[in-house]
Amino acid sequence: MKKLLLVAVLAALGAVVGCSDAQLPYLTAIQVNPGTPSVAAGRTQQFTAMGTFSNSQTRDISSLVKWTSSTAPVSTINAAGLAQTYSQGSSTITASFTSPAAGTVTGTATFNVAAPALLSIGVTGAVAVIASPSSKGTTVAKGTGRQFQAYGLYSDGGVRLLSNVTWASTPATVATITNTGRATSINAGTATITATDPASAISGNTQLVVTNATIASIVIYPRAGVTIAPLTRQPFFALGVFSDNTQQDITADANWVSTNVAAATVSNTSPKGVATGVAVGATVLQASFLGTTGQAALGVTAASLTSITLTPGTTPTGVATGSTLLINAVGTFSDGSKQPINLATAWSVTPSNGSIATVDQTGLVTGVAAGSATVTAKFGTITTNAVINVQAVKSIAVGPATPIVNPSTLSIAQATASQFIATATLTDGSTQDISNSATWVAISPPAVSGTGPVATISDTLGSSGWATGNAPGTAVIAAVFGGQSNLSSVTVTNATLRTLAITPTGNVHVVFGGTQQYQATGTFSDSTTQNLTNQVTWNSSAPTVAVMSLTGLATNTGPGTTNVSATSNITTPATTSPAVVFSNP
């Protein structure tokens, strides 16, 4: 078809200059316009091809040429010459046409893609599992603090945590805020918390409502006879129960002390509540806030470390250049107990100059260049090694977290989220989950309602790859890493949440100090179901019996019975699941 169109163009050109069919002009050159465009990642650029013929005539032949982009992770281009960008970089755009008279004629343009542009800022006062630009108010009791976070929505659909913003709280008589986003409430009332990007002057805000509720009690957890070995560490947390029956994490607000520092100490600076074993003995950890104190016992045993197990371990593990991999260290002690010891372990890497890989003091390894490195974990006199093979990436697969399907299409309801996973295949054929290292992009048309993109995706460590549906439509989900990329998609429906259920149901009996994982499942108006475990607010009616994590993990804090519930804010009014009973026999 394209050749027939070109013949028609040539015939028209020949007629203009009075040529016979045997003397039809032929294509000699192609000029691609614009020649050196530059756009922000996530945006599009229309290219055109102007053909120059042997009779010096020119014509637009954009619909006749074959369009290609040299670097797919930077941009792709369709048959109409419309380029879609994904990540910062440079790509060569080529327009080519092959004919018997002139062979293959090509024209090129250098396409520069800049960093994604900041579009808007969202502020949240909750430590959310899923990063989101949506802004919801936060309620705290007078005298408590709250850490706020600012997320930027960018032109490539990525939602990223912003660290370099200017914070403000108005009026300051209700709450003040530090330059790191930590707010401290002073008086009852409502304060507006604002984060502003100094480079673009774009800002976002949320409301902080301060109540007159007073502290009633403090629960420190874990509480069930925790013991640790000397030099090891154990984080503790403080939950405040207030006079209006609300509960708040006040770990950072409380004053922490150990009643017997000869046995163990506890940090009273960030991060607060981390206990460190000193010597054999027992202590009581206390967290105090506005005259109320909670406490938990901690024992330090005479156990000594006998071995360290690293995961991944001594079997060589493939790590993509530029990616990160957390090595988990678990110590086995002389009394048979086992403890995570990442924070108490001295980490090092060979070669020590970091030319192949680096490791920080939490055990997080970063691949630097192709080669083999040995990561060493040392605790006291015990050392264990892990072999890391840093390699280039051959390809990437992208798909929903469960299961990974390629190609894949995921359907979610508006205002809900679901996770995508990026898996890299390395040069030796091994695979690695690179979700936390890849750049995540959500390319979608504006929502019909005009409320923004159809979907966004978190590009923030801890929630990387979580796509959130904003309005009905379909969005392309891309992961870019190591010069490779792959695409998936998500379809957002207008289904609404009808019911919310949590499992397991009925009476759940847990041993003293044990845990129970709960899951929240939503049923929607189109009869579909979704796992909403990380998108609900979990609550335990009796925190002295169990406390709930953001991900639905119940931890027993004492004997008794409590009701566990999950509340979704997807609907108005909020939908709450029926309570289940969590008890310690």
Protein backbone atom coordinates (compact mmCIF):
# COMPACT_ATOMS: atom_id res chain seq x y z
CA MET A 1 0.00 0.00 0.00
CA LYS A 2 2.81 2.43 0.90
CA LYS A 3 4.55 1.68 -2.40
CA LEU A 4 1.36 2.37 -4.35
CA LEU A 5 1.00 5.67 -2.52
CA LEU A 6 4.58 6.59 -3.33
CA VAL A 7 4.03 5.72 -6.99
CA ALA A 8 1.05 8.08 -6.99
CA VAL A 9 3.20 10.79 -5.42
CA LEU A 10 5.94 10.22 -8.00
CA ALA A 11 3.43 10.31 -10.82
CA ALA A 12 2.09 13.61 -9.57
CA LEU A 13 5.59 15.01 -9.34
CA GLY A 14 6.35 13.77 -12.86
CA ALA A 15 3.24 15.43 -14.20
CA VAL A 16 4.28 18.73 -12.66
CA VAL A 17 7.59 18.75 -14.54
CA GLY A 18 6.36 16.95 -17.66
CA CYS A 19 8.19 13.62 -17.17
CA SER A 20 7.21 10.31 -18.78
CA ASP A 21 6.63 7.19 -16.71
CA ALA A 22 10.14 6.01 -17.53
CA GLN A 23 11.56 9.24 -16.21
CA LEU A 24 9.57 9.39 -12.95
CA PRO A 25 11.48 11.18 -10.21
CA TYR A 26 12.81 9.03 -7.38
CA LEU A 27 13.32 9.65 -3.68
CA THR A 28 16.81 10.95 -2.84
CA ALA A 29 16.59 12.16 0.74
CA ILE A 30 14.36 12.27 3.81
CA GLN A 31 14.35 15.08 6.33
CA VAL A 32 12.85 14.27 9.74
CA ASN A 33 11.23 17.19 11.54
CA PRO A 34 11.71 18.51 14.12
CA GLY A 35 15.43 17.82 13.93
CA THR A 36 16.45 17.89 17.62
CA PRO A 37 13.35 18.12 19.77
CA SER A 38 13.41 17.80 23.57
CA VAL A 39 10.43 16.94 25.79
CA ALA A 40 9.95 15.77 29.36
CA ALA A 41 9.63 12.03 29.95
CA GLY A 42 6.06 10.82 29.67
CA ARG A 43 5.09 13.27 26.95
CA THR A 44 4.68 12.74 23.20
CA GLN A 45 6.31 14.27 20.15
CA GLN A 46 4.93 14.24 16.60
CA PHE A 47 7.53 13.71 13.86
CA THR A 48 7.09 14.31 10.14
CA ALA A 49 9.13 13.12 7.16
CA MET A 50 9.75 15.40 4.18
CA GLY A 51 10.94 13.60 1.06
CA THR A 52 13.21 15.23 -1.53
CA PHE A 53 13.01 13.74 -5.03
CA SER A 54 15.42 13.64 -7.95
CA ASN A 55 13.61 16.56 -9.60
CA SER A 56 14.24 18.72 -6.47
CA GLN A 57 10.58 18.63 -5.49
CA THR A 58 9.63 17.96 -1.83
CA ARG A 59 6.59 16.26 -0.37
CA ASP A 60 5.35 15.14 3.07
CA ILE A 61 5.78 11.36 3.06
CA SER A 62 5.19 10.81 6.80
CA SER A 63 2.53 8.17 6.18
CA LEU A 64 4.74 6.27 3.70
CA VAL A 65 7.93 5.77 5.67
CA LYS A 66 8.83 3.20 8.31
CA TRP A 67 9.39 4.84 11.68
CA THR A 68 11.80 3.42 14.28
CA SER A 69 13.29 4.55 17.58
CA SER A 70 16.78 3.33 18.48
CA THR A 71 16.25 3.24 22.25
CA ALA A 72 12.91 1.79 23.33
CA PRO A 73 13.45 2.49 27.06
CA VAL A 74 13.67 6.17 26.14
CA SER A 75 10.94 6.33 23.51
CA THR A 76 8.89 4.34 21.04
CA ILE A 77 7.27 5.60 17.85
CA ASN A 78 4.16 4.43 16.00
CA ALA A 79 3.41 4.14 12.28
CA ALA A 80 2.08 7.70 12.19
CA GLY A 81 5.33 9.18 13.55
CA LEU A 82 4.02 9.87 17.06
CA ALA A 83 6.74 9.18 19.63
CA GLN A 84 5.88 8.22 23.21
CA THR A 85 8.57 8.88 25.80
CA TYR A 86 9.25 6.84 28.93
CA SER A 87 12.53 7.83 30.55
CA GLN A 88 15.30 10.40 30.40
CA GLY A 89 17.87 9.84 27.67
CA SER A 90 18.49 10.17 23.95
CA SER A 91 17.10 8.17 21.03
CA THR A 92 17.59 8.33 17.28
CA ILE A 93 14.34 8.59 15.35
CA THR A 94 14.63 7.13 11.85
CA ALA A 95 12.30 7.41 8.88
CA SER A 96 13.14 5.01 6.04
CA PHE A 97 11.75 3.94 2.68
CA THR A 98 12.94 1.31 0.23
CA SER A 99 12.29 1.49 -3.52
CA PRO A 100 13.79 -0.30 -6.60
CA ALA A 101 15.00 2.98 -8.06
CA ALA A 102 16.85 4.40 -5.08
CA GLY A 103 17.22 1.52 -2.65
CA THR A 104 16.71 2.42 1.00
CA VAL A 105 16.63 6.10 1.84
CA THR A 106 16.68 7.19 5.49
CA GLY A 107 16.46 10.33 7.51
CA THR A 108 17.15 10.74 11.22
CA ALA A 109 16.58 13.10 14.10
CA THR A 110 18.08 13.11 17.58
CA PHE A 111 15.32 12.96 20.17
CA ASN A 112 16.34 14.20 23.62
CA VAL A 113 14.08 13.22 26.49
CA ALA A 114 14.49 15.26 29.63
CA ALA A 115 13.70 14.25 33.21
CA PRO A 116 9.97 13.96 33.93
CA ALA A 117 8.30 17.24 34.85
CA LEU A 118 6.66 17.75 38.23
CA LEU A 119 2.92 18.28 37.76
CA SER A 120 1.49 18.37 41.28
CA ILE A 121 2.25 17.59 44.93
CA GLY A 122 0.23 15.53 47.37
CA VAL A 123 0.80 15.56 51.13
CA THR A 124 -0.05 12.73 53.48
CA GLY A 125 0.22 12.45 57.22
CA ALA A 126 0.12 8.67 57.39
CA VAL A 127 2.91 6.22 56.81
CA ALA A 128 1.12 4.58 53.91
CA VAL A 129 1.96 1.22 52.37
CA ILE A 130 1.07 2.64 48.98
CA ALA A 131 2.48 6.04 48.04
CA SER A 132 -0.27 8.21 46.66
CA PRO A 133 -0.66 11.84 45.61
CA SER A 134 -4.14 11.88 47.10
CA SER A 135 -4.49 14.18 50.10
CA LYS A 136 -6.56 13.19 53.12
CA GLY A 137 -6.77 14.91 56.45
CA THR A 138 -5.08 13.55 59.55
CA THR A 139 -6.37 13.69 63.13
CA VAL A 140 -4.07 13.66 66.16
CA ALA A 141 -4.34 14.39 69.86
CA LYS A 142 -2.95 17.61 71.29
CA GLY A 143 0.73 17.36 72.13
CA THR A 144 1.50 14.51 69.74
CA GLY A 145 3.50 14.67 66.54
CA ARG A 146 3.03 13.35 63.05
CA GLN A 147 5.50 12.81 60.24
CA PHE A 148 4.24 14.21 56.94
CA GLN A 149 5.44 13.15 53.52
CA ALA A 150 5.21 14.92 50.17
CA TYR A 151 4.70 12.98 46.95
CA GLY A 152 5.15 14.43 43.49
CA LEU A 153 3.10 13.36 40.47
CA TYR A 154 5.27 13.58 37.36
CA SER A 155 4.64 13.78 33.63
CA ASP A 156 5.55 10.09 33.20
CA GLY A 157 2.79 9.05 35.62
CA GLY A 158 5.25 8.19 38.38
CA VAL A 159 4.55 9.15 41.98
CA ARG A 160 7.78 9.87 43.85
CA LEU A 161 8.66 10.84 47.41
CA LEU A 162 9.96 14.41 47.57
CA SER A 163 12.77 15.19 49.99
CA ASN A 164 13.66 18.74 48.98
CA VAL A 165 10.47 20.63 49.78
CA THR A 166 9.72 23.60 52.00
CA TRP A 167 7.25 22.83 54.80
CA ALA A 168 4.79 25.23 56.43
CA SER A 169 2.00 24.93 59.00
CA THR A 170 -0.71 27.56 59.37
CA PRO A 171 -1.74 28.71 61.85
CA ALA A 172 1.39 27.96 63.85
CA THR A 173 -0.69 28.23 67.05
CA VAL A 174 -2.30 24.87 66.18
CA ALA A 175 0.80 23.03 64.98
CA THR A 176 4.40 23.66 64.01
CA ILE A 177 6.44 21.70 61.48
CA THR A 178 10.17 21.12 60.97
CA ASN A 179 12.06 21.32 57.69
CA THR A 180 11.89 17.50 57.53
CA GLY A 181 8.08 17.41 57.70
CA ARG A 182 7.67 16.46 61.37
CA ALA A 183 4.64 18.31 62.78
CA THR A 184 4.00 18.89 66.48
CA SER A 185 0.48 19.73 67.58
CA ILE A 186 0.07 22.52 70.15
CA ASN A 187 -3.61 23.41 70.53
CA ALA A 188 -6.94 22.01 69.40
CA GLY A 189 -7.96 23.23 65.97
CA THR A 190 -7.17 22.69 62.29
CA ALA A 191 -3.84 23.47 60.66
CA THR A 192 -3.01 23.43 56.97
CA ILE A 193 0.21 21.54 56.25
CA THR A 194 1.83 22.70 52.99
CA ALA A 195 4.79 21.34 51.03
CA THR A 196 6.28 23.50 48.27
CA ASP A 197 8.83 22.54 45.65
CA PRO A 198 11.31 25.46 45.63
CA ALA A 199 12.34 24.94 42.00
CA SER A 200 8.87 25.05 40.45
CA ALA A 201 6.88 26.73 43.26
CA ILE A 202 4.33 23.90 42.92
CA SER A 203 2.72 23.12 46.26
CA GLY A 204 0.27 20.74 47.86
CA ASN A 205 -1.42 20.63 51.24
CA THR A 206 -3.50 18.62 53.64
CA GLN A 207 -5.33 19.25 56.89
CA LEU A 208 -4.13 18.37 60.37
CA VAL A 209 -6.97 18.25 62.88
CA VAL A 210 -5.86 18.48 66.51
CA THR A 211 -8.24 17.28 69.21
CA ASN A 212 -8.34 17.83 72.96
CA ALA A 213 -8.11 14.08 73.64
CA THR A 214 -5.81 13.20 76.50
CA ILE A 215 -3.55 10.22 76.90
CA ALA A 216 -5.22 7.36 78.80
CA SER A 217 -2.65 4.58 78.54
CA ILE A 218 0.43 3.45 76.64
CA VAL A 219 1.06 -0.01 75.29
CA ILE A 220 4.65 -0.97 74.48
CA TYR A 221 5.14 -3.91 72.17
CA PRO A 222 6.40 -6.54 71.74
CA ARG A 223 5.62 -7.39 75.40
CA ALA A 224 5.65 -11.17 75.68
CA GLY A 225 8.87 -11.95 77.52
CA VAL A 226 11.25 -10.77 74.81
CA THR A 227 14.85 -11.89 75.26
CA ILE A 228 17.88 -10.93 73.24
CA ALA A 229 21.57 -11.76 73.30
CA PRO A 230 24.25 -9.23 74.21
CA LEU A 231 25.06 -6.73 71.41
CA THR A 232 21.89 -7.59 69.47
CA ARG A 233 19.05 -5.13 68.92
CA GLN A 234 15.27 -5.22 69.21
CA PRO A 235 12.93 -2.40 68.10
CA PHE A 236 10.05 -1.55 70.46
CA PHE A 237 7.00 0.57 69.66
CA ALA A 238 4.64 2.68 71.76
CA LEU A 239 0.92 2.88 71.05
CA GLY A 240 -1.00 5.63 72.80
CA VAL A 241 -4.66 5.07 73.71
CA PHE A 242 -6.52 8.37 74.16
CA SER A 243 -9.62 9.55 76.02
CA ASP A 244 -11.70 9.58 72.81
CA ASN A 245 -10.84 5.88 72.21
CA THR A 246 -8.49 6.72 69.35
CA GLN A 247 -5.09 5.07 69.03
CA GLN A 248 -1.85 6.62 67.78
CA ASP A 249 1.70 5.45 67.28
CA ILE A 250 3.62 7.67 69.71
CA THR A 251 6.98 5.90 69.46
CA ALA A 252 8.65 9.12 68.29
CA ASP A 253 6.77 11.30 70.80
CA ALA A 254 7.52 9.30 73.93
CA ASN A 255 10.53 9.56 76.21
CA TRP A 256 12.30 6.18 76.37
CA VAL A 257 14.36 4.82 79.26
CA SER A 258 15.78 1.49 80.38
CA THR A 259 15.56 0.86 84.11
CA ASN A 260 18.72 -1.27 84.04
CA VAL A 261 21.21 0.06 81.50
CA ALA A 262 23.73 -2.55 82.66
CA ALA A 263 21.51 -5.15 80.97
CA ALA A 264 20.21 -3.18 77.99
CA THR A 265 19.92 0.36 76.70
CA VAL A 266 17.16 1.91 74.62
CA SER A 267 17.50 4.75 72.11
CA ASN A 268 15.77 8.03 72.88
CA THR A 269 16.83 9.66 69.62
CA SER A 270 15.77 8.76 66.10
CA PRO A 271 15.03 5.96 65.66
CA LYS A 272 13.53 5.82 69.15
CA GLY A 273 12.69 2.62 70.99
CA VAL A 274 15.53 0.42 69.73
CA ALA A 275 16.89 -1.70 72.58
CA THR A 276 20.49 -3.00 72.57
CA GLY A 277 21.61 -5.88 74.76
CA VAL A 278 24.61 -5.09 76.98
CA ALA A 279 25.08 -7.98 79.41
CA VAL A 280 23.18 -10.82 81.05
CA GLY A 281 20.29 -9.48 83.12
CA ALA A 282 16.81 -8.02 82.90
CA THR A 283 15.40 -4.57 82.45
CA VAL A 284 12.10 -2.80 82.02
CA LEU A 285 11.72 -0.46 79.07
CA GLN A 286 9.53 2.55 79.72
CA ALA A 287 7.91 4.98 77.29
CA SER A 288 6.46 8.10 78.91
CA PHE A 289 4.23 10.77 77.41
CA LEU A 290 2.50 13.67 79.19
CA GLY A 291 2.66 11.97 82.59
CA THR A 292 1.57 8.49 81.42
CA THR A 293 4.00 5.58 81.21
CA GLY A 294 3.88 2.21 79.52
CA GLN A 295 6.42 -0.52 80.04
CA ALA A 296 7.65 -3.86 78.74
CA ALA A 297 10.11 -6.35 80.14
CA LEU A 298 13.29 -7.28 78.28
CA GLY A 299 15.72 -10.02 79.20
CA VAL A 300 19.31 -10.36 78.06
CA THR A 301 20.53 -13.93 77.98
CA ALA A 302 23.99 -15.41 78.26
CA ALA A 303 23.61 -16.93 74.81
CA SER A 304 26.52 -16.47 72.46
CA LEU A 305 26.42 -16.43 68.69
CA THR A 306 27.36 -19.72 67.08
CA SER A 307 26.62 -19.06 63.41
CA ILE A 308 25.23 -16.56 60.92
CA THR A 309 22.93 -17.50 58.06
CA LEU A 310 22.76 -15.12 55.12
CA THR A 311 19.91 -15.04 52.62
CA PRO A 312 20.86 -15.06 49.77
CA GLY A 313 23.78 -17.17 50.97
CA THR A 314 26.99 -18.78 49.75
CA THR A 315 25.51 -19.88 46.41
CA PRO A 316 26.46 -17.10 43.96
CA THR A 317 23.55 -14.70 43.56
CA GLY A 318 23.02 -12.62 40.43
CA VAL A 319 22.61 -8.88 40.92
CA ALA A 320 21.91 -6.47 38.08
CA THR A 321 24.32 -3.58 37.63
CA GLY A 322 22.78 -0.56 39.33
CA SER A 323 20.21 -2.57 41.30
CA THR A 324 19.97 -3.25 45.03
CA LEU A 325 19.58 -6.48 46.96
CA LEU A 326 19.00 -6.78 50.71
CA ILE A 327 20.92 -9.60 52.38
CA ASN A 328 19.18 -10.83 55.53
CA ALA A 329 21.37 -11.99 58.39
CA VAL A 330 19.95 -14.34 61.04
CA GLY A 331 22.07 -15.35 64.00
CA THR A 332 21.81 -18.74 65.71
CA PHE A 333 22.79 -18.61 69.38
CA SER A 334 24.10 -21.17 71.88
CA ASP A 335 20.66 -21.58 73.46
CA GLY A 336 19.15 -22.53 70.09
CA SER A 337 17.39 -19.19 69.60
CA LYS A 338 17.51 -17.25 66.36
CA GLN A 339 17.40 -13.48 65.84
CA PRO A 340 17.64 -11.11 62.87
CA ILE A 341 20.97 -9.34 63.34
CA ASN A 342 21.26 -7.06 60.30
CA LEU A 343 21.49 -3.90 62.42
CA ALA A 344 24.05 -5.37 64.82
CA THR A 345 26.26 -6.86 62.11
CA ALA A 346 29.39 -5.27 60.64
CA TRP A 347 29.11 -5.46 56.84
CA SER A 348 31.94 -5.29 54.34
CA VAL A 349 32.60 -6.18 50.71
CA THR A 350 35.56 -7.46 48.71
CA PRO A 351 36.93 -5.80 46.56
CA SER A 352 36.85 -3.18 49.30
CA ASN A 353 37.07 -0.24 46.88
CA GLY A 354 33.47 -0.82 45.80
CA SER A 355 34.42 -1.30 42.16
CA ILE A 356 32.08 -4.31 41.82
CA ALA A 357 29.53 -3.79 44.60
CA THR A 358 28.93 -1.81 47.77
CA VAL A 359 27.11 -2.73 50.97
CA ASP A 360 25.70 -0.44 53.66
CA GLN A 361 25.35 -1.18 57.37
CA THR A 362 21.87 -2.63 56.95
CA GLY A 363 23.07 -5.31 54.50
CA LEU A 364 21.78 -3.54 51.37
CA VAL A 365 24.01 -4.43 48.42
CA THR A 366 24.26 -2.24 45.30
CA GLY A 367 25.71 -3.64 42.07
CA VAL A 368 28.28 -1.27 40.58
CA ALA A 369 29.98 -3.06 37.67
CA ALA A 370 30.11 -6.54 36.17
CA GLY A 371 32.17 -8.97 38.21
CA SER A 372 32.15 -11.08 41.36
CA ALA A 373 32.18 -9.66 44.89
CA THR A 374 32.11 -11.21 48.34
CA VAL A 375 29.91 -9.65 51.02
CA THR A 376 30.97 -10.42 54.59
CA ALA A 377 28.78 -10.22 57.69
CA LYS A 378 30.67 -10.14 61.00
CA PHE A 379 29.26 -10.33 64.53
CA GLY A 380 31.85 -10.66 67.26
CA THR A 381 34.24 -13.32 66.06
CA ILE A 382 31.75 -15.03 63.73
CA THR A 383 31.84 -14.21 60.01
CA THR A 384 29.84 -15.49 57.03
CA ASN A 385 30.16 -14.67 53.36
CA ALA A 386 27.76 -14.28 50.45
CA VAL A 387 28.96 -14.34 46.85
CA ILE A 388 27.45 -11.71 44.54
CA ASN A 389 27.79 -11.86 40.75
CA VAL A 390 27.04 -8.41 39.30
CA GLN A 391 25.78 -8.70 35.71
CA ALA A 392 24.15 -6.78 32.91
CA VAL A 393 20.43 -7.10 32.21
CA LYS A 394 19.34 -9.03 29.10
CA SER A 395 15.61 -8.37 29.37
CA ILE A 396 12.80 -7.32 31.71
CA ALA A 397 9.39 -8.88 32.32
CA VAL A 398 6.60 -6.77 33.81
CA GLY A 399 3.29 -8.00 35.16
CA PRO A 400 0.90 -8.10 38.11
CA ALA A 401 2.44 -9.31 41.35
CA THR A 402 0.39 -12.52 41.41
CA PRO A 403 0.91 -14.09 39.02
CA ILE A 404 3.44 -12.54 36.66
CA VAL A 405 1.95 -12.82 33.18
CA ASN A 406 3.59 -11.41 30.08
CA PRO A 407 1.88 -9.86 28.22
CA SER A 408 -0.58 -9.05 30.95
CA THR A 409 -3.61 -6.92 31.62
CA LEU A 410 -4.82 -6.05 35.09
CA SER A 411 -8.25 -4.68 35.92
CA ILE A 412 -8.85 -2.69 39.12
CA ALA A 413 -11.66 -0.52 40.45
CA GLN A 414 -11.37 3.22 40.60
CA ALA A 415 -9.58 4.49 43.76
CA THR A 416 -7.95 1.10 44.41
CA ALA A 417 -4.39 -0.04 43.78
CA SER A 418 -2.56 -3.18 42.74
CA GLN A 419 1.09 -4.11 42.53
CA PHE A 420 3.23 -4.77 39.47
CA ILE A 421 6.54 -6.65 39.60
CA ALA A 422 9.58 -6.11 37.38
CA THR A 423 11.81 -9.16 36.91
CA ALA A 424 15.18 -8.92 35.19
CA THR A 425 16.84 -11.76 33.32
CA LEU A 426 20.61 -11.43 33.72
CA THR A 427 23.38 -12.44 31.33
CA ASP A 428 23.80 -15.87 32.96
CA GLY A 429 20.06 -16.59 32.65
CA SER A 430 19.28 -16.07 36.34
CA THR A 431 16.49 -13.72 37.39
CA GLN A 432 16.17 -10.95 39.95
CA ASP A 433 13.24 -8.94 41.26
CA ILE A 434 14.24 -5.36 40.40
CA SER A 435 10.94 -3.69 41.34
CA ASN A 436 12.68 -1.44 43.87
CA SER A 437 15.41 -0.45 41.42
CA ALA A 438 13.46 0.08 38.18
CA THR A 439 11.92 3.37 37.09
CA TRP A 440 8.14 2.96 36.97
CA VAL A 441 6.03 4.80 34.42
CA ALA A 442 2.26 5.01 33.89
CA ILE A 443 1.33 6.38 30.47
CA SER A 444 -2.35 7.13 30.09
CA PRO A 445 -4.65 9.64 28.43
CA PRO A 446 -6.28 12.24 30.65
CA ALA A 447 -9.36 10.93 32.42
CA VAL A 448 -12.65 11.71 30.71
CA SER A 449 -13.72 13.52 33.86
CA GLY A 450 -10.70 15.81 33.58
CA THR A 451 -9.44 14.84 37.03
CA GLY A 452 -5.96 13.83 35.88
CA PRO A 453 -4.46 10.65 34.46
CA VAL A 454 -6.33 7.34 34.37
CA ALA A 455 -3.67 5.75 36.59
CA THR A 456 -0.47 6.59 38.41
CA ILE A 457 2.25 4.30 39.71
CA SER A 458 4.48 4.56 42.75
CA ASP A 459 8.17 4.99 42.03
CA THR A 460 9.05 5.22 45.73
CA LEU A 461 11.08 2.67 47.67
CA GLY A 462 8.77 0.54 49.81
CA SER A 463 5.79 0.84 47.47
CA SER A 464 7.46 0.62 44.06
CA GLY A 465 5.23 -0.76 41.33
CA TRP A 466 1.88 -0.10 43.04
CA ALA A 467 -0.50 1.29 40.41
CA THR A 468 -3.48 3.37 41.56
CA GLY A 469 -6.59 3.79 39.44
CA ASN A 470 -7.88 7.37 39.37
CA ALA A 471 -10.60 7.24 36.71
CA PRO A 472 -12.05 4.73 34.20
CA GLY A 473 -9.77 3.96 31.26
CA THR A 474 -6.63 2.04 30.33
CA ALA A 475 -3.03 2.99 31.08
CA VAL A 476 0.27 1.53 29.95
CA ILE A 477 2.57 0.44 32.78
CA ALA A 478 6.29 0.43 31.98
CA ALA A 479 9.40 -0.51 33.94
CA VAL A 480 12.74 0.86 32.73
CA PHE A 481 16.10 -0.36 33.99
CA GLY A 482 19.61 -1.05 32.72
CA GLY A 483 18.88 -0.04 29.15
CA GLN A 484 15.93 -2.43 29.00
CA SER A 485 12.18 -1.95 29.34
CA ASN A 486 8.91 -3.78 29.07
CA LEU A 487 5.25 -2.86 29.07
CA SER A 488 2.09 -4.07 30.72
CA SER A 489 -1.26 -2.36 31.22
CA VAL A 490 -3.95 -1.67 33.75
CA THR A 491 -7.64 -1.10 33.09
CA VAL A 492 -9.51 1.03 35.62
CA THR A 493 -13.25 0.45 35.98
CA ASN A 494 -15.97 2.56 37.59
CA ALA A 495 -16.98 -0.31 39.89
CA THR A 496 -17.78 0.72 43.46
CA LEU A 497 -17.05 -1.13 46.68
CA ARG A 498 -20.08 -2.98 48.03
CA THR A 499 -18.73 -5.15 50.85
CA LEU A 500 -15.50 -5.68 52.73
CA ALA A 501 -14.55 -8.95 54.41
CA ILE A 502 -11.50 -9.96 56.41
CA THR A 503 -10.06 -13.43 56.86
CA PRO A 504 -9.56 -15.53 58.85
CA THR A 505 -13.01 -15.26 60.39
CA GLY A 506 -14.43 -16.40 63.70
CA ASN A 507 -12.40 -16.92 66.86
CA VAL A 508 -8.65 -16.88 66.29
CA HIS A 509 -6.50 -18.14 69.13
CA VAL A 510 -2.87 -17.01 69.20
CA VAL A 511 -0.10 -18.04 71.59
CA PHE A 512 1.20 -15.39 73.95
CA GLY A 513 3.40 -13.04 71.92
CA GLY A 514 2.38 -14.62 68.62
CA THR A 515 1.08 -13.04 65.44
CA GLN A 516 -1.78 -13.52 63.00
CA GLN A 517 -1.89 -12.18 59.45
CA TYR A 518 -5.27 -10.87 58.29
CA GLN A 519 -6.40 -10.16 54.74
CA ALA A 520 -9.09 -7.71 53.57
CA THR A 521 -11.03 -8.52 50.39
CA GLY A 522 -13.41 -6.09 48.71
CA THR A 523 -16.35 -7.11 46.54
CA PHE A 524 -17.35 -4.53 43.95
CA SER A 525 -20.49 -3.61 42.04
CA ASP A 526 -19.32 -5.53 38.95
CA SER A 527 -18.95 -8.71 41.09
CA THR A 528 -15.16 -8.57 40.97
CA THR A 529 -13.04 -8.96 44.09
CA GLN A 530 -9.73 -7.33 45.05
CA ASN A 531 -7.22 -7.78 47.81
CA LEU A 532 -7.37 -4.52 49.79
CA THR A 533 -5.17 -5.58 52.70
CA ASN A 534 -2.74 -2.70 52.18
CA GLN A 535 -5.50 -0.18 51.44
CA VAL A 536 -7.60 -0.28 54.61
CA THR A 537 -7.23 1.03 58.14
CA TRP A 538 -6.76 -1.83 60.61
CA ASN A 539 -7.94 -1.57 64.20
CA SER A 540 -7.84 -3.64 67.35
CA SER A 541 -10.46 -2.75 69.94
CA ALA A 542 -8.16 -3.78 72.81
CA PRO A 543 -4.51 -2.87 72.11
CA THR A 544 -3.50 -4.52 75.41
CA VAL A 545 -4.46 -7.80 73.72
CA ALA A 546 -3.27 -7.15 70.16
CA VAL A 547 -2.00 -4.31 68.00
CA MET A 548 -2.40 -4.07 64.23
CA SER A 549 0.20 -3.15 61.63
CA LEU A 550 -0.52 -1.22 58.43
CA THR A 551 -0.45 -4.51 56.55
CA GLY A 552 -2.95 -6.39 58.73
CA LEU A 553 -0.51 -8.24 60.98
CA ALA A 554 -1.91 -8.67 64.49
CA THR A 555 0.67 -8.98 67.27
CA ASN A 556 -0.42 -10.30 70.64
CA THR A 557 0.46 -7.96 73.51
CA GLY A 558 -1.25 -9.72 76.42
CA PRO A 559 -4.04 -12.08 77.52
CA GLY A 560 -7.66 -11.36 76.69
CA THR A 561 -9.93 -10.89 73.69
CA THR A 562 -10.08 -8.13 71.10
CA ASN A 563 -12.10 -7.36 67.99
CA VAL A 564 -10.10 -6.90 64.79
CA SER A 565 -11.67 -4.75 62.08
CA ALA A 566 -10.71 -3.14 58.78
CA THR A 567 -12.17 0.10 57.45
CA SER A 568 -12.01 1.23 53.84
CA ASN A 569 -12.10 4.86 52.85
CA ILE A 570 -12.79 4.06 49.19
CA THR A 571 -16.48 4.70 49.72
CA THR A 572 -18.36 7.48 51.51
CA PRO A 573 -19.35 6.68 54.16
CA ALA A 574 -16.48 4.29 54.86
CA THR A 575 -17.14 0.57 54.62
CA THR A 576 -16.20 -1.47 57.69
CA SER A 577 -15.82 -5.22 57.74
CA PRO A 578 -17.50 -7.37 60.40
CA ALA A 579 -15.18 -7.84 63.38
CA VAL A 580 -13.44 -11.12 64.11
CA VAL A 581 -12.31 -12.21 67.56
CA PHE A 582 -8.60 -12.44 68.34
CA SER A 583 -7.92 -14.08 71.67
CA ASN A 584 -5.18 -15.54 73.79
CA PRO A 585 -6.38 -18.64 75.64
